[in-house]
Amino acid sequence: MFTIVLDGIKLDGNDIDFVTCVIGTEETEDFLAADGFWVTLTYSGLDKAGKADIFVTKDELDGNTYELLLDIIQPV
């Protein structure tokens, strides 16, 4: 099970329900072109974060976290 930190909150795979990619304010299916990501949390993630979703920009993510988000969107 992976662990990532988003917005200062440590989350694992059970905490993340899905990820929505955005360019500006518009949703996109193009992960590579996206400049931001809405990470929607499960109930366990909600308990940890105190909110239902977390927004992060591409610039805020390190390479490992970026790849983990891609794995969530497009599992192998």
N, C-alpha and C. Protein backbone atom coordinates (compact mmCIF):
# COMPACT_ATOMS: atom_id res chain seq x y z
N MET A 1 0.86 -1.18 0.00
CA MET A 1 0.00 0.00 0.00
C MET A 1 0.90 1.24 0.00
N PHE A 2 0.61 2.16 -0.88
CA PHE A 2 1.41 3.38 -0.96
C PHE A 2 0.94 4.41 0.05
N THR A 3 1.81 5.36 0.35
CA THR A 3 1.47 6.50 1.20
C THR A 3 1.96 7.75 0.51
N ILE A 4 1.08 8.76 0.44
CA ILE A 4 1.47 10.05 -0.12
C ILE A 4 1.04 11.16 0.83
N VAL A 5 1.67 12.31 0.68
CA VAL A 5 1.31 13.47 1.48
C VAL A 5 0.77 14.54 0.53
N LEU A 6 -0.48 14.93 0.76
CA LEU A 6 -1.12 15.98 -0.03
C LEU A 6 -1.60 17.06 0.92
N ASP A 7 -1.22 18.28 0.67
CA ASP A 7 -1.65 19.41 1.50
C ASP A 7 -1.28 19.17 2.97
N GLY A 8 -0.14 18.51 3.18
CA GLY A 8 0.34 18.24 4.54
C GLY A 8 -0.35 17.09 5.23
N ILE A 9 -1.20 16.34 4.52
CA ILE A 9 -1.96 15.24 5.11
C ILE A 9 -1.45 13.92 4.54
N LYS A 10 -1.08 13.00 5.42
CA LYS A 10 -0.56 11.70 5.00
C LYS A 10 -1.73 10.77 4.69
N LEU A 11 -1.77 10.29 3.45
CA LEU A 11 -2.86 9.44 2.98
C LEU A 11 -2.32 8.15 2.40
N ASP A 12 -3.12 7.09 2.49
CA ASP A 12 -2.76 5.85 1.81
C ASP A 12 -3.83 5.54 0.77
N GLY A 13 -3.65 4.45 0.06
CA GLY A 13 -4.55 4.10 -1.02
C GLY A 13 -6.00 3.94 -0.62
N ASN A 14 -6.25 3.53 0.61
CA ASN A 14 -7.62 3.37 1.09
C ASN A 14 -8.31 4.71 1.35
N ASP A 15 -7.54 5.78 1.43
CA ASP A 15 -8.09 7.10 1.74
C ASP A 15 -8.55 7.86 0.50
N ILE A 16 -8.12 7.41 -0.68
CA ILE A 16 -8.40 8.13 -1.92
C ILE A 16 -9.44 7.38 -2.74
N ASP A 17 -10.52 8.07 -3.08
CA ASP A 17 -11.58 7.47 -3.87
C ASP A 17 -11.27 7.62 -5.36
N PHE A 18 -11.05 8.86 -5.82
CA PHE A 18 -10.68 9.09 -7.21
C PHE A 18 -10.01 10.45 -7.35
N VAL A 19 -9.42 10.66 -8.52
CA VAL A 19 -8.70 11.90 -8.82
C VAL A 19 -9.28 12.51 -10.09
N THR A 20 -9.56 13.81 -10.04
CA THR A 20 -10.07 14.53 -11.21
C THR A 20 -8.99 15.51 -11.67
N CYS A 21 -8.61 15.42 -12.92
CA CYS A 21 -7.61 16.31 -13.50
C CYS A 21 -8.29 17.58 -14.01
N VAL A 22 -7.61 18.72 -13.85
CA VAL A 22 -8.16 19.98 -14.34
C VAL A 22 -7.08 20.79 -15.04
N ILE A 23 -7.52 21.57 -16.02
CA ILE A 23 -6.69 22.59 -16.64
C ILE A 23 -7.42 23.89 -16.35
N GLY A 24 -6.82 24.74 -15.55
CA GLY A 24 -7.52 25.93 -15.08
C GLY A 24 -8.67 25.50 -14.18
N THR A 25 -9.89 25.73 -14.63
CA THR A 25 -11.06 25.29 -13.86
C THR A 25 -11.86 24.22 -14.59
N GLU A 26 -11.37 23.80 -15.76
CA GLU A 26 -12.09 22.82 -16.58
C GLU A 26 -11.54 21.41 -16.37
N GLU A 27 -12.43 20.44 -16.18
CA GLU A 27 -12.02 19.05 -16.06
C GLU A 27 -11.43 18.57 -17.38
N THR A 28 -10.45 17.67 -17.29
CA THR A 28 -9.83 17.10 -18.47
C THR A 28 -9.50 15.64 -18.19
N GLU A 29 -9.42 14.86 -19.23
CA GLU A 29 -8.96 13.47 -19.10
C GLU A 29 -7.47 13.36 -19.40
N ASP A 30 -6.85 14.48 -19.75
CA ASP A 30 -5.43 14.50 -20.13
C ASP A 30 -4.58 14.77 -18.89
N PHE A 31 -4.13 13.68 -18.26
CA PHE A 31 -3.35 13.78 -17.04
C PHE A 31 -2.08 14.60 -17.24
N LEU A 32 -1.40 14.39 -18.36
CA LEU A 32 -0.13 15.08 -18.59
C LEU A 32 -0.30 16.58 -18.80
N ALA A 33 -1.41 17.00 -19.38
CA ALA A 33 -1.65 18.42 -19.62
C ALA A 33 -2.26 19.12 -18.40
N ALA A 34 -2.78 18.36 -17.47
CA ALA A 34 -3.46 18.94 -16.29
C ALA A 34 -2.49 19.78 -15.48
N ASP A 35 -2.99 20.89 -14.96
CA ASP A 35 -2.16 21.72 -14.07
C ASP A 35 -2.63 21.64 -12.62
N GLY A 36 -3.70 20.87 -12.38
CA GLY A 36 -4.19 20.69 -11.02
C GLY A 36 -4.99 19.41 -10.91
N PHE A 37 -5.19 18.98 -9.67
CA PHE A 37 -5.87 17.71 -9.42
C PHE A 37 -6.75 17.84 -8.18
N TRP A 38 -8.02 17.45 -8.32
CA TRP A 38 -8.92 17.32 -7.19
C TRP A 38 -8.87 15.87 -6.75
N VAL A 39 -8.43 15.63 -5.53
CA VAL A 39 -8.34 14.28 -4.98
C VAL A 39 -9.53 14.11 -4.04
N THR A 40 -10.47 13.27 -4.44
CA THR A 40 -11.66 13.02 -3.64
C THR A 40 -11.38 11.86 -2.69
N LEU A 41 -11.71 12.07 -1.44
CA LEU A 41 -11.34 11.13 -0.39
C LEU A 41 -12.49 10.20 0.00
N THR A 42 -12.12 9.04 0.50
CA THR A 42 -13.09 8.11 1.08
C THR A 42 -13.40 8.57 2.50
N TYR A 43 -14.23 7.83 3.20
CA TYR A 43 -14.55 8.20 4.59
C TYR A 43 -13.31 8.19 5.48
N SER A 44 -12.40 7.24 5.26
CA SER A 44 -11.18 7.21 6.08
C SER A 44 -10.30 8.42 5.77
N GLY A 45 -10.25 8.83 4.50
CA GLY A 45 -9.51 10.03 4.13
C GLY A 45 -10.15 11.28 4.70
N LEU A 46 -11.48 11.32 4.69
CA LEU A 46 -12.22 12.43 5.28
C LEU A 46 -11.90 12.57 6.77
N ASP A 47 -11.82 11.45 7.45
CA ASP A 47 -11.46 11.48 8.88
C ASP A 47 -10.07 12.07 9.10
N LYS A 48 -9.14 11.72 8.24
CA LYS A 48 -7.76 12.23 8.37
C LYS A 48 -7.65 13.70 7.99
N ALA A 49 -8.32 14.07 6.89
CA ALA A 49 -8.16 15.42 6.33
C ALA A 49 -9.14 16.43 6.90
N GLY A 50 -10.29 15.95 7.36
CA GLY A 50 -11.31 16.88 7.83
C GLY A 50 -12.05 17.57 6.69
N LYS A 51 -11.86 17.06 5.48
CA LYS A 51 -12.56 17.59 4.31
C LYS A 51 -12.70 16.48 3.29
N ALA A 52 -13.65 16.65 2.36
CA ALA A 52 -13.98 15.58 1.43
C ALA A 52 -13.02 15.49 0.25
N ASP A 53 -12.35 16.58 -0.09
CA ASP A 53 -11.40 16.53 -1.19
C ASP A 53 -10.28 17.54 -0.97
N ILE A 54 -9.20 17.30 -1.69
CA ILE A 54 -8.00 18.13 -1.59
C ILE A 54 -7.62 18.55 -3.00
N PHE A 55 -7.32 19.83 -3.18
CA PHE A 55 -6.84 20.32 -4.47
C PHE A 55 -5.34 20.54 -4.38
N VAL A 56 -4.62 20.00 -5.35
CA VAL A 56 -3.17 20.24 -5.45
C VAL A 56 -2.84 20.62 -6.88
N THR A 57 -1.85 21.49 -7.02
CA THR A 57 -1.38 21.85 -8.35
C THR A 57 -0.24 20.92 -8.74
N LYS A 58 0.01 20.83 -10.02
CA LYS A 58 1.10 20.00 -10.52
C LYS A 58 2.43 20.45 -9.91
N ASP A 59 2.60 21.76 -9.74
CA ASP A 59 3.84 22.30 -9.19
C ASP A 59 4.09 21.89 -7.75
N GLU A 60 3.04 21.57 -7.01
CA GLU A 60 3.17 21.16 -5.61
C GLU A 60 3.63 19.71 -5.45
N LEU A 61 3.55 18.92 -6.51
CA LEU A 61 3.81 17.50 -6.42
C LEU A 61 5.25 17.16 -6.77
N ASP A 62 5.84 16.26 -5.99
CA ASP A 62 7.15 15.74 -6.38
C ASP A 62 6.91 14.61 -7.39
N GLY A 63 7.95 14.14 -8.00
CA GLY A 63 7.83 13.14 -9.05
C GLY A 63 7.15 11.86 -8.59
N ASN A 64 7.46 11.39 -7.40
CA ASN A 64 6.88 10.16 -6.89
C ASN A 64 5.38 10.32 -6.66
N THR A 65 4.97 11.41 -6.05
CA THR A 65 3.54 11.65 -5.79
C THR A 65 2.78 11.79 -7.10
N TYR A 66 3.37 12.47 -8.06
CA TYR A 66 2.77 12.63 -9.39
C TYR A 66 2.52 11.26 -10.03
N GLU A 67 3.50 10.37 -9.96
CA GLU A 67 3.36 9.03 -10.52
C GLU A 67 2.30 8.22 -9.77
N LEU A 68 2.23 8.38 -8.46
CA LEU A 68 1.21 7.66 -7.69
C LEU A 68 -0.20 8.12 -8.06
N LEU A 69 -0.38 9.42 -8.29
CA LEU A 69 -1.69 9.90 -8.74
C LEU A 69 -2.05 9.29 -10.10
N LEU A 70 -1.08 9.18 -10.99
CA LEU A 70 -1.32 8.57 -12.28
C LEU A 70 -1.73 7.10 -12.11
N ASP A 71 -1.09 6.40 -11.19
CA ASP A 71 -1.45 5.01 -10.91
C ASP A 71 -2.88 4.88 -10.40
N ILE A 72 -3.35 5.87 -9.65
CA ILE A 72 -4.72 5.85 -9.16
C ILE A 72 -5.69 6.04 -10.31
N ILE A 73 -5.36 6.95 -11.22
CA ILE A 73 -6.22 7.24 -12.36
C ILE A 73 -6.22 6.11 -13.37
N GLN A 74 -5.03 5.57 -13.64
CA GLN A 74 -4.88 4.52 -14.64
C GLN A 74 -4.14 3.33 -14.05
N PRO A 75 -4.83 2.53 -13.24
CA PRO A 75 -4.14 1.38 -12.63
C PRO A 75 -3.64 0.40 -13.68
N VAL A 76 -2.53 -0.22 -13.38
CA VAL A 76 -1.92 -1.18 -14.31
C VAL A 76 -2.68 -2.47 -14.29
